[in-house]
Amino acid sequence: MKFVLKNKATALLLILFSIFSIDQDKLSSEQLFISAIPDQYPEKLNRLYSLLAKELSDQLNVEVVYKPVINYQAAVSAFRTGDLDLVWFGGLTGVQARLQRPGSIVIAQRDIDAKFHSVFIANTNSGIKPISNIYELRQLKGRRFTFGSESSTSGRLMPQHYLTKANVKTTDFKGGRAGYSGSHDATIVLVQSGSYEAGVLNEQVWKENVSNGKADLKKVKTIWKTPAYADYHWLAQPNLDNKFRPGFTKSLTEKILNLNNQQPIQQEILKLFNATKFVKAYAYQYKDIESIGRELGKIR
């Protein structure tokens, strides 16, 4: 009798375990994993994307999970393997990810991204003068100069493109190479402290740091703003309708485009994005980024 009861108990446990496992798999398959290139300090990114994940979860009726990544290329790799469903990419990383994941969809950009800019900055004690035309970038030769991340559009790709036009090579900087700060915030800190005489970064991050007082204009100044180019955008996996439900990608896009300043949480999200709204974006807007990426060896 004990043997029979023991077998029945074991069978019941196996059934319960199987049901639990199925429920867990179902839950996992319904999670929307989002991420972003780590272009600013983690504290701000965690605040921003945690808020966004909660807002999208409520509106889409799916669990949205923010998964931070350690660097720009980690975001591209995780998107390629399907570990991330939706990623906030820069122009270059977005192109790289799209080429590695055929069928992926550019769905939105901020109202500032179609005509984005980088700003070159210099330590006020460096003696570097404001630049009125691209060829005056040559005064950066022999200087300690830092980019942001190696895969940054606004902190490396486009600035290097303009430096090349001015016949300035990275080997022309002091020490025979440029530095790489890793993020736009860090570039400001390094130039302001004098660790580097000059650097380049995302214009919006510069403006934000001037506004909040983290950029001390007595120690660091802008010397040149680049011409406009297309930059950041949301990139979605091609299979979201299969993973969730028919029309899910369209619904996701609409929820992002409909974020507005009338709702307090949405207003904070947009403020953290340095935007007033999101607008529709298209892959063709990033053709120039792809061409420049190939010229500079960042896309093969």
C-alpha atoms as a PDB file:
ATOM      1  CA  MET A   1       0.000   0.000   0.000  1.00  0.00           C
ATOM      2  CA  LYS A   2       2.810   2.373   0.910  1.00  0.00           C
ATOM      3  CA  PHE A   3       4.474   1.557  -2.414  1.00  0.00           C
ATOM      4  CA  VAL A   4       1.283   2.468  -4.324  1.00  0.00           C
ATOM      5  CA  LEU A   5       0.844   5.702  -2.388  1.00  0.00           C
ATOM      6  CA  LYS A   6       4.468   6.604  -2.935  1.00  0.00           C
ATOM      7  CA  ASN A   7       4.102   6.041  -6.687  1.00  0.00           C
ATOM      8  CA  LYS A   8       0.919   8.119  -6.776  1.00  0.00           C
ATOM      9  CA  ALA A   9       2.628  10.927  -4.893  1.00  0.00           C
ATOM     10  CA  THR A  10       5.589  10.787  -7.253  1.00  0.00           C
ATOM     11  CA  ALA A  11       3.274  10.862 -10.265  1.00  0.00           C
ATOM     12  CA  LEU A  12       1.423  13.870  -8.843  1.00  0.00           C
ATOM     13  CA  LEU A  13       4.686  15.723  -8.273  1.00  0.00           C
ATOM     14  CA  LEU A  14       5.779  15.002 -11.836  1.00  0.00           C
ATOM     15  CA  ILE A  15       2.470  16.317 -13.191  1.00  0.00           C
ATOM     16  CA  LEU A  16       2.724  19.482 -11.089  1.00  0.00           C
ATOM     17  CA  PHE A  17       6.344  19.952 -12.153  1.00  0.00           C
ATOM     18  CA  SER A  18       5.361  19.582 -15.811  1.00  0.00           C
ATOM     19  CA  ILE A  19       2.538  22.122 -15.478  1.00  0.00           C
ATOM     20  CA  PHE A  20       4.867  24.556 -13.701  1.00  0.00           C
ATOM     21  CA  SER A  21       7.520  24.141 -16.405  1.00  0.00           C
ATOM     22  CA  ILE A  22       4.979  24.757 -19.181  1.00  0.00           C
ATOM     23  CA  ASP A  23       3.729  27.902 -17.429  1.00  0.00           C
ATOM     24  CA  GLN A  24       7.283  29.146 -17.013  1.00  0.00           C
ATOM     25  CA  ASP A  25       8.059  28.550 -20.697  1.00  0.00           C
ATOM     26  CA  LYS A  26       4.873  30.333 -21.670  1.00  0.00           C
ATOM     27  CA  LEU A  27       5.764  33.292 -19.460  1.00  0.00           C
ATOM     28  CA  SER A  28       9.276  33.442 -20.910  1.00  0.00           C
ATOM     29  CA  SER A  29       7.977  33.390 -24.491  1.00  0.00           C
ATOM     30  CA  GLU A  30       5.712  36.356 -23.746  1.00  0.00           C
ATOM     31  CA  GLN A  31       8.467  38.640 -22.463  1.00  0.00           C
ATOM     32  CA  LEU A  32       9.519  41.534 -24.670  1.00  0.00           C
ATOM     33  CA  PHE A  33      13.218  42.166 -24.090  1.00  0.00           C
ATOM     34  CA  ILE A  34      14.334  45.734 -24.719  1.00  0.00           C
ATOM     35  CA  SER A  35      17.740  47.386 -24.474  1.00  0.00           C
ATOM     36  CA  ALA A  36      19.811  50.345 -25.628  1.00  0.00           C
ATOM     37  CA  ILE A  37      23.385  51.208 -26.473  1.00  0.00           C
ATOM     38  CA  PRO A  38      25.097  52.381 -23.251  1.00  0.00           C
ATOM     39  CA  ASP A  39      25.845  55.897 -24.468  1.00  0.00           C
ATOM     40  CA  GLN A  40      25.391  57.559 -21.071  1.00  0.00           C
ATOM     41  CA  TYR A  41      25.863  56.712 -17.409  1.00  0.00           C
ATOM     42  CA  PRO A  42      24.053  53.525 -16.233  1.00  0.00           C
ATOM     43  CA  GLU A  43      22.044  55.364 -13.568  1.00  0.00           C
ATOM     44  CA  LYS A  44      20.213  57.453 -16.152  1.00  0.00           C
ATOM     45  CA  LEU A  45      19.725  54.541 -18.543  1.00  0.00           C
ATOM     46  CA  ASN A  46      18.310  52.300 -15.806  1.00  0.00           C
ATOM     47  CA  ARG A  47      15.865  55.017 -14.792  1.00  0.00           C
ATOM     48  CA  LEU A  48      14.781  55.713 -18.371  1.00  0.00           C
ATOM     49  CA  TYR A  49      14.334  52.170 -19.615  1.00  0.00           C
ATOM     50  CA  SER A  50      12.744  50.880 -16.414  1.00  0.00           C
ATOM     51  CA  LEU A  51      10.084  53.575 -16.791  1.00  0.00           C
ATOM     52  CA  LEU A  52       9.641  52.781 -20.472  1.00  0.00           C
ATOM     53  CA  ALA A  53       9.416  49.029 -19.822  1.00  0.00           C
ATOM     54  CA  LYS A  54       6.655  49.576 -17.248  1.00  0.00           C
ATOM     55  CA  GLU A  55       4.739  51.916 -19.570  1.00  0.00           C
ATOM     56  CA  LEU A  56       4.934  49.555 -22.543  1.00  0.00           C
ATOM     57  CA  SER A  57       4.004  46.593 -20.328  1.00  0.00           C
ATOM     58  CA  ASP A  58       0.837  48.354 -19.230  1.00  0.00           C
ATOM     59  CA  GLN A  59      -0.127  49.411 -22.749  1.00  0.00           C
ATOM     60  CA  LEU A  60       0.748  46.218 -24.636  1.00  0.00           C
ATOM     61  CA  ASN A  61      -0.364  43.749 -21.952  1.00  0.00           C
ATOM     62  CA  VAL A  62       2.915  41.830 -22.149  1.00  0.00           C
ATOM     63  CA  GLU A  63       5.829  41.713 -19.741  1.00  0.00           C
ATOM     64  CA  VAL A  64       8.537  44.087 -20.954  1.00  0.00           C
ATOM     65  CA  VAL A  65      12.014  43.549 -19.508  1.00  0.00           C
ATOM     66  CA  TYR A  66      14.932  45.960 -19.800  1.00  0.00           C
ATOM     67  CA  LYS A  67      18.246  44.133 -20.244  1.00  0.00           C
ATOM     68  CA  PRO A  68      21.269  46.457 -20.032  1.00  0.00           C
ATOM     69  CA  VAL A  69      24.347  45.637 -22.102  1.00  0.00           C
ATOM     70  CA  ILE A  70      28.002  46.311 -21.371  1.00  0.00           C
ATOM     71  CA  ASN A  71      28.925  48.063 -24.617  1.00  0.00           C
ATOM     72  CA  TYR A  72      27.675  49.030 -28.080  1.00  0.00           C
ATOM     73  CA  GLN A  73      28.730  45.824 -29.807  1.00  0.00           C
ATOM     74  CA  ALA A  74      27.081  43.709 -27.114  1.00  0.00           C
ATOM     75  CA  ALA A  75      23.770  45.317 -28.097  1.00  0.00           C
ATOM     76  CA  VAL A  76      24.372  44.442 -31.756  1.00  0.00           C
ATOM     77  CA  SER A  77      25.359  40.858 -30.909  1.00  0.00           C
ATOM     78  CA  ALA A  78      22.360  40.285 -28.633  1.00  0.00           C
ATOM     79  CA  PHE A  79      20.016  41.606 -31.305  1.00  0.00           C
ATOM     80  CA  ARG A  80      21.617  39.372 -33.929  1.00  0.00           C
ATOM     81  CA  THR A  81      21.107  36.255 -31.815  1.00  0.00           C
ATOM     82  CA  GLY A  82      17.525  37.189 -30.969  1.00  0.00           C
ATOM     83  CA  ASP A  83      18.177  37.737 -27.259  1.00  0.00           C
ATOM     84  CA  LEU A  84      16.816  41.284 -27.584  1.00  0.00           C
ATOM     85  CA  ASP A  85      13.507  42.119 -29.254  1.00  0.00           C
ATOM     86  CA  LEU A  86      13.666  45.907 -29.397  1.00  0.00           C
ATOM     87  CA  VAL A  87      16.781  48.064 -29.128  1.00  0.00           C
ATOM     88  CA  TRP A  88      17.479  51.790 -29.079  1.00  0.00           C
ATOM     89  CA  PHE A  89      20.456  52.000 -31.424  1.00  0.00           C
ATOM     90  CA  GLY A  90      22.610  54.793 -32.747  1.00  0.00           C
ATOM     91  CA  GLY A  91      22.818  55.229 -36.499  1.00  0.00           C
ATOM     92  CA  LEU A  92      25.882  53.016 -36.980  1.00  0.00           C
ATOM     93  CA  THR A  93      24.949  50.232 -34.561  1.00  0.00           C
ATOM     94  CA  GLY A  94      21.420  50.194 -35.961  1.00  0.00           C
ATOM     95  CA  VAL A  95      22.745  49.652 -39.475  1.00  0.00           C
ATOM     96  CA  GLN A  96      25.143  46.959 -38.224  1.00  0.00           C
ATOM     97  CA  ALA A  97      22.333  45.151 -36.402  1.00  0.00           C
ATOM     98  CA  ARG A  98      19.938  45.387 -39.351  1.00  0.00           C
ATOM     99  CA  LEU A  99      22.500  43.944 -41.753  1.00  0.00           C
ATOM    100  CA  GLN A 100      23.148  41.053 -39.360  1.00  0.00           C
ATOM    101  CA  ARG A 101      19.443  40.412 -38.762  1.00  0.00           C
ATOM    102  CA  PRO A 102      17.673  40.539 -42.168  1.00  0.00           C
ATOM    103  CA  GLY A 103      14.059  41.646 -41.985  1.00  0.00           C
ATOM    104  CA  SER A 104      14.462  43.699 -38.811  1.00  0.00           C
ATOM    105  CA  ILE A 105      12.354  46.836 -38.784  1.00  0.00           C
ATOM    106  CA  VAL A 106      13.255  50.491 -38.172  1.00  0.00           C
ATOM    107  CA  ILE A 107      10.138  51.744 -36.394  1.00  0.00           C
ATOM    108  CA  ALA A 108      10.762  55.150 -34.811  1.00  0.00           C
ATOM    109  CA  GLN A 109      13.185  57.940 -33.988  1.00  0.00           C
ATOM    110  CA  ARG A 110      12.974  61.049 -31.826  1.00  0.00           C
ATOM    111  CA  ASP A 111      11.898  64.338 -33.342  1.00  0.00           C
ATOM    112  CA  ILE A 112      15.573  65.410 -33.197  1.00  0.00           C
ATOM    113  CA  ASP A 113      17.172  62.375 -34.853  1.00  0.00           C
ATOM    114  CA  ALA A 114      16.595  63.086 -38.552  1.00  0.00           C
ATOM    115  CA  LYS A 115      18.912  66.100 -38.257  1.00  0.00           C
ATOM    116  CA  PHE A 116      21.341  65.248 -35.506  1.00  0.00           C
ATOM    117  CA  HIS A 117      24.696  66.855 -34.686  1.00  0.00           C
ATOM    118  CA  SER A 118      27.955  66.140 -32.901  1.00  0.00           C
ATOM    119  CA  VAL A 119      29.859  68.860 -31.077  1.00  0.00           C
ATOM    120  CA  PHE A 120      33.618  69.150 -30.753  1.00  0.00           C
ATOM    121  CA  ILE A 121      34.668  70.467 -27.355  1.00  0.00           C
ATOM    122  CA  ALA A 122      37.957  71.694 -25.901  1.00  0.00           C
ATOM    123  CA  ASN A 123      39.421  72.450 -22.514  1.00  0.00           C
ATOM    124  CA  THR A 124      39.444  76.230 -22.047  1.00  0.00           C
ATOM    125  CA  ASN A 125      43.154  76.159 -21.143  1.00  0.00           C
ATOM    126  CA  SER A 126      44.103  74.267 -24.308  1.00  0.00           C
ATOM    127  CA  GLY A 127      44.436  77.324 -26.525  1.00  0.00           C
ATOM    128  CA  ILE A 128      42.250  75.643 -29.157  1.00  0.00           C
ATOM    129  CA  LYS A 129      40.195  78.237 -31.021  1.00  0.00           C
ATOM    130  CA  PRO A 130      36.584  78.016 -32.241  1.00  0.00           C
ATOM    131  CA  ILE A 131      36.286  76.493 -35.709  1.00  0.00           C
ATOM    132  CA  SER A 132      34.443  78.315 -38.478  1.00  0.00           C
ATOM    133  CA  ASN A 133      35.001  75.800 -41.273  1.00  0.00           C
ATOM    134  CA  ILE A 134      35.807  72.119 -41.474  1.00  0.00           C
ATOM    135  CA  TYR A 135      39.440  72.619 -42.510  1.00  0.00           C
ATOM    136  CA  GLU A 136      40.220  74.351 -39.227  1.00  0.00           C
ATOM    137  CA  LEU A 137      39.882  70.935 -37.585  1.00  0.00           C
ATOM    138  CA  ARG A 138      43.558  70.622 -38.528  1.00  0.00           C
ATOM    139  CA  GLN A 139      44.460  72.576 -35.398  1.00  0.00           C
ATOM    140  CA  LEU A 140      43.619  69.375 -33.484  1.00  0.00           C
ATOM    141  CA  LYS A 141      46.732  67.689 -34.891  1.00  0.00           C
ATOM    142  CA  GLY A 142      49.222  67.044 -32.109  1.00  0.00           C
ATOM    143  CA  ARG A 143      46.540  67.409 -29.433  1.00  0.00           C
ATOM    144  CA  ARG A 144      45.277  64.892 -26.887  1.00  0.00           C
ATOM    145  CA  PHE A 145      41.894  63.997 -28.386  1.00  0.00           C
ATOM    146  CA  THR A 146      39.160  61.565 -27.374  1.00  0.00           C
ATOM    147  CA  PHE A 147      36.165  60.060 -29.131  1.00  0.00           C
ATOM    148  CA  GLY A 148      33.330  58.405 -27.179  1.00  0.00           C
ATOM    149  CA  SER A 149      32.661  54.733 -27.853  1.00  0.00           C
ATOM    150  CA  GLU A 150      34.417  53.137 -30.825  1.00  0.00           C
ATOM    151  CA  SER A 151      31.012  52.250 -32.319  1.00  0.00           C
ATOM    152  CA  SER A 152      29.297  55.563 -31.580  1.00  0.00           C
ATOM    153  CA  THR A 153      27.769  57.439 -34.511  1.00  0.00           C
ATOM    154  CA  SER A 154      27.879  60.898 -32.933  1.00  0.00           C
ATOM    155  CA  GLY A 155      30.928  60.234 -30.763  1.00  0.00           C
ATOM    156  CA  ARG A 156      33.146  58.576 -33.350  1.00  0.00           C
ATOM    157  CA  LEU A 157      31.848  57.697 -36.853  1.00  0.00           C
ATOM    158  CA  MET A 158      30.611  61.080 -38.075  1.00  0.00           C
ATOM    159  CA  PRO A 159      33.337  63.085 -36.292  1.00  0.00           C
ATOM    160  CA  GLN A 160      36.017  60.870 -37.854  1.00  0.00           C
ATOM    161  CA  HIS A 161      34.308  61.335 -41.225  1.00  0.00           C
ATOM    162  CA  TYR A 162      34.667  65.115 -40.926  1.00  0.00           C
ATOM    163  CA  LEU A 163      38.195  64.876 -39.558  1.00  0.00           C
ATOM    164  CA  THR A 164      39.123  62.764 -42.589  1.00  0.00           C
ATOM    165  CA  LYS A 165      37.653  65.427 -44.876  1.00  0.00           C
ATOM    166  CA  ALA A 166      39.926  67.940 -43.158  1.00  0.00           C
ATOM    167  CA  ASN A 167      42.890  65.588 -43.721  1.00  0.00           C
ATOM    168  CA  VAL A 168      43.218  64.794 -40.019  1.00  0.00           C
ATOM    169  CA  LYS A 169      44.039  61.159 -39.271  1.00  0.00           C
ATOM    170  CA  THR A 170      43.735  59.515 -35.863  1.00  0.00           C
ATOM    171  CA  THR A 171      47.500  58.988 -35.970  1.00  0.00           C
ATOM    172  CA  ASP A 172      47.894  62.785 -36.107  1.00  0.00           C
ATOM    173  CA  PHE A 173      46.734  63.163 -32.510  1.00  0.00           C
ATOM    174  CA  LYS A 174      49.227  63.317 -29.676  1.00  0.00           C
ATOM    175  CA  GLY A 175      50.622  59.869 -28.960  1.00  0.00           C
ATOM    176  CA  GLY A 176      49.727  58.714 -32.451  1.00  0.00           C
ATOM    177  CA  ARG A 177      46.162  57.775 -31.596  1.00  0.00           C
ATOM    178  CA  ALA A 178      42.844  59.019 -30.247  1.00  0.00           C
ATOM    179  CA  GLY A 179      41.343  58.032 -26.922  1.00  0.00           C
ATOM    180  CA  TYR A 180      37.962  56.363 -26.444  1.00  0.00           C
ATOM    181  CA  SER A 181      36.047  57.490 -23.373  1.00  0.00           C
ATOM    182  CA  GLY A 182      33.270  54.904 -23.721  1.00  0.00           C
ATOM    183  CA  SER A 183      30.353  57.337 -23.377  1.00  0.00           C
ATOM    184  CA  HIS A 184      29.359  60.926 -24.090  1.00  0.00           C
ATOM    185  CA  ASP A 185      29.209  61.911 -20.400  1.00  0.00           C
ATOM    186  CA  ALA A 186      32.704  60.550 -19.878  1.00  0.00           C
ATOM    187  CA  THR A 187      34.035  62.590 -22.806  1.00  0.00           C
ATOM    188  CA  ILE A 188      32.916  65.797 -21.101  1.00  0.00           C
ATOM    189  CA  VAL A 189      34.547  64.758 -17.825  1.00  0.00           C
ATOM    190  CA  LEU A 190      37.856  63.875 -19.498  1.00  0.00           C
ATOM    191  CA  VAL A 191      38.090  67.101 -21.498  1.00  0.00           C
ATOM    192  CA  GLN A 192      36.891  69.277 -18.634  1.00  0.00           C
ATOM    193  CA  SER A 193      39.498  67.763 -16.300  1.00  0.00           C
ATOM    194  CA  GLY A 194      42.297  68.316 -18.810  1.00  0.00           C
ATOM    195  CA  SER A 195      43.011  64.614 -19.293  1.00  0.00           C
ATOM    196  CA  TYR A 196      42.333  65.340 -22.960  1.00  0.00           C
ATOM    197  CA  GLU A 197      42.600  68.709 -24.633  1.00  0.00           C
ATOM    198  CA  ALA A 198      39.651  68.093 -26.940  1.00  0.00           C
ATOM    199  CA  GLY A 199      36.937  65.577 -27.729  1.00  0.00           C
ATOM    200  CA  VAL A 200      33.638  65.085 -29.491  1.00  0.00           C
ATOM    201  CA  LEU A 201      30.189  63.951 -28.430  1.00  0.00           C
ATOM    202  CA  ASN A 202      26.442  63.872 -28.954  1.00  0.00           C
ATOM    203  CA  GLU A 203      25.034  67.425 -29.054  1.00  0.00           C
ATOM    204  CA  GLN A 204      22.009  66.562 -26.904  1.00  0.00           C
ATOM    205  CA  VAL A 205      24.141  65.114 -24.120  1.00  0.00           C
ATOM    206  CA  TRP A 206      26.296  68.245 -24.232  1.00  0.00           C
ATOM    207  CA  LYS A 207      23.240  70.506 -23.931  1.00  0.00           C
ATOM    208  CA  GLU A 208      21.867  68.446 -21.057  1.00  0.00           C
ATOM    209  CA  ASN A 209      25.160  68.617 -19.150  1.00  0.00           C
ATOM    210  CA  VAL A 210      25.382  72.367 -19.687  1.00  0.00           C
ATOM    211  CA  SER A 211      21.809  72.734 -18.452  1.00  0.00           C
ATOM    212  CA  ASN A 212      22.332  70.657 -15.300  1.00  0.00           C
ATOM    213  CA  GLY A 213      25.683  72.285 -14.522  1.00  0.00           C
ATOM    214  CA  LYS A 214      27.835  69.181 -14.951  1.00  0.00           C
ATOM    215  CA  ALA A 215      29.635  70.835 -17.857  1.00  0.00           C
ATOM    216  CA  ASP A 216      31.538  73.792 -16.394  1.00  0.00           C
ATOM    217  CA  LEU A 217      31.800  76.372 -19.172  1.00  0.00           C
ATOM    218  CA  LYS A 218      34.756  77.942 -17.389  1.00  0.00           C
ATOM    219  CA  LYS A 219      36.672  74.721 -18.009  1.00  0.00           C
ATOM    220  CA  VAL A 220      35.224  73.285 -21.234  1.00  0.00           C
ATOM    221  CA  LYS A 221      33.766  74.898 -24.353  1.00  0.00           C
ATOM    222  CA  THR A 222      32.327  73.964 -27.739  1.00  0.00           C
ATOM    223  CA  ILE A 223      34.516  74.706 -30.744  1.00  0.00           C
ATOM    224  CA  TRP A 224      32.492  73.264 -33.654  1.00  0.00           C
ATOM    225  CA  LYS A 225      29.135  71.686 -34.489  1.00  0.00           C
ATOM    226  CA  THR A 226      28.984  69.196 -37.352  1.00  0.00           C
ATOM    227  CA  PRO A 227      26.513  69.296 -40.244  1.00  0.00           C
ATOM    228  CA  ALA A 228      23.301  67.325 -39.680  1.00  0.00           C
ATOM    229  CA  TYR A 229      22.924  63.570 -40.148  1.00  0.00           C
ATOM    230  CA  ALA A 230      20.405  60.856 -39.149  1.00  0.00           C
ATOM    231  CA  ASP A 231      21.189  59.067 -35.899  1.00  0.00           C
ATOM    232  CA  TYR A 232      19.305  57.207 -33.155  1.00  0.00           C
ATOM    233  CA  HIS A 233      16.324  54.920 -33.799  1.00  0.00           C
ATOM    234  CA  TRP A 234      14.315  51.977 -32.496  1.00  0.00           C
ATOM    235  CA  LEU A 235      14.957  48.662 -34.245  1.00  0.00           C
ATOM    236  CA  ALA A 236      12.573  45.717 -33.819  1.00  0.00           C
ATOM    237  CA  GLN A 237      13.010  42.031 -34.534  1.00  0.00           C
ATOM    238  CA  PRO A 238      11.203  40.763 -37.659  1.00  0.00           C
ATOM    239  CA  ASN A 239       9.344  37.994 -35.795  1.00  0.00           C
ATOM    240  CA  LEU A 240       7.451  39.870 -33.063  1.00  0.00           C
ATOM    241  CA  ASP A 241       4.042  39.183 -34.622  1.00  0.00           C
ATOM    242  CA  ASN A 242       4.808  35.461 -34.440  1.00  0.00           C
ATOM    243  CA  LYS A 243       6.192  35.664 -30.927  1.00  0.00           C
ATOM    244  CA  PHE A 244       3.263  37.607 -29.522  1.00  0.00           C
ATOM    245  CA  ARG A 245       0.230  38.095 -31.781  1.00  0.00           C
ATOM    246  CA  PRO A 246      -0.666  39.308 -35.287  1.00  0.00           C
ATOM    247  CA  GLY A 247      -0.271  43.080 -35.543  1.00  0.00           C
ATOM    248  CA  PHE A 248       1.976  43.306 -32.475  1.00  0.00           C
ATOM    249  CA  THR A 249       4.771  45.224 -34.255  1.00  0.00           C
ATOM    250  CA  LYS A 250       2.267  47.794 -35.506  1.00  0.00           C
ATOM    251  CA  SER A 251       0.793  48.150 -32.032  1.00  0.00           C
ATOM    252  CA  LEU A 252       4.255  48.503 -30.465  1.00  0.00           C
ATOM    253  CA  THR A 253       5.150  51.199 -32.981  1.00  0.00           C
ATOM    254  CA  GLU A 254       1.933  53.091 -32.272  1.00  0.00           C
ATOM    255  CA  LYS A 255       2.520  53.003 -28.510  1.00  0.00           C
ATOM    256  CA  ILE A 256       5.987  54.519 -28.960  1.00  0.00           C
ATOM    257  CA  LEU A 257       4.761  57.141 -31.434  1.00  0.00           C
ATOM    258  CA  ASN A 258       1.900  58.084 -29.102  1.00  0.00           C
ATOM    259  CA  LEU A 259       4.088  58.864 -26.083  1.00  0.00           C
ATOM    260  CA  ASN A 260       3.246  62.448 -25.153  1.00  0.00           C
ATOM    261  CA  ASN A 261       3.768  65.187 -22.601  1.00  0.00           C
ATOM    262  CA  GLN A 262       0.184  65.075 -21.334  1.00  0.00           C
ATOM    263  CA  GLN A 263       0.806  61.983 -19.194  1.00  0.00           C
ATOM    264  CA  PRO A 264       3.276  62.516 -16.284  1.00  0.00           C
ATOM    265  CA  ILE A 265       5.170  59.225 -16.717  1.00  0.00           C
ATOM    266  CA  GLN A 266       5.330  59.601 -20.493  1.00  0.00           C
ATOM    267  CA  GLN A 267       6.473  63.189 -20.060  1.00  0.00           C
ATOM    268  CA  GLU A 268       9.353  62.015 -17.867  1.00  0.00           C
ATOM    269  CA  ILE A 269      10.280  59.319 -20.397  1.00  0.00           C
ATOM    270  CA  LEU A 270      10.420  61.866 -23.213  1.00  0.00           C
ATOM    271  CA  LYS A 271      12.422  64.273 -21.054  1.00  0.00           C
ATOM    272  CA  LEU A 272      14.980  61.555 -20.330  1.00  0.00           C
ATOM    273  CA  PHE A 273      15.152  60.921 -24.082  1.00  0.00           C
ATOM    274  CA  ASN A 274      15.730  64.680 -24.641  1.00  0.00           C
ATOM    275  CA  ALA A 275      12.753  64.683 -27.004  1.00  0.00           C
ATOM    276  CA  THR A 276       9.216  66.034 -27.241  1.00  0.00           C
ATOM    277  CA  LYS A 277       7.932  63.050 -29.223  1.00  0.00           C
ATOM    278  CA  PHE A 278       8.840  60.056 -31.387  1.00  0.00           C
ATOM    279  CA  VAL A 279       8.209  60.035 -35.127  1.00  0.00           C
ATOM    280  CA  LYS A 280       8.166  57.322 -37.780  1.00  0.00           C
ATOM    281  CA  ALA A 281      11.588  56.316 -39.085  1.00  0.00           C
ATOM    282  CA  TYR A 282      12.710  54.386 -42.144  1.00  0.00           C
ATOM    283  CA  ALA A 283      15.776  52.350 -43.082  1.00  0.00           C
ATOM    284  CA  TYR A 284      16.576  54.546 -46.096  1.00  0.00           C
ATOM    285  CA  GLN A 285      17.325  57.473 -43.770  1.00  0.00           C
ATOM    286  CA  TYR A 286      20.497  55.662 -42.682  1.00  0.00           C
ATOM    287  CA  LYS A 287      21.981  54.980 -46.126  1.00  0.00           C
ATOM    288  CA  ASP A 288      24.626  57.690 -45.675  1.00  0.00           C
ATOM    289  CA  ILE A 289      25.580  56.234 -42.291  1.00  0.00           C
ATOM    290  CA  GLU A 290      26.029  52.835 -43.927  1.00  0.00           C
ATOM    291  CA  SER A 291      28.208  54.297 -46.697  1.00  0.00           C
ATOM    292  CA  ILE A 292      30.421  56.180 -44.246  1.00  0.00           C
ATOM    293  CA  GLY A 293      30.607  53.103 -42.022  1.00  0.00           C
ATOM    294  CA  ARG A 294      31.929  51.090 -44.956  1.00  0.00           C
ATOM    295  CA  GLU A 295      34.436  53.814 -45.889  1.00  0.00           C
ATOM    296  CA  LEU A 296      35.842  53.848 -42.354  1.00  0.00           C
ATOM    297  CA  GLY A 297      35.863  50.063 -42.004  1.00  0.00           C
ATOM    298  CA  LYS A 298      33.105  49.878 -39.378  1.00  0.00           C
ATOM    299  CA  ILE A 299      30.817  47.900 -41.704  1.00  0.00           C
ATOM    300  CA  ARG A 300      32.039  45.091 -43.930  1.00  0.00           C
END
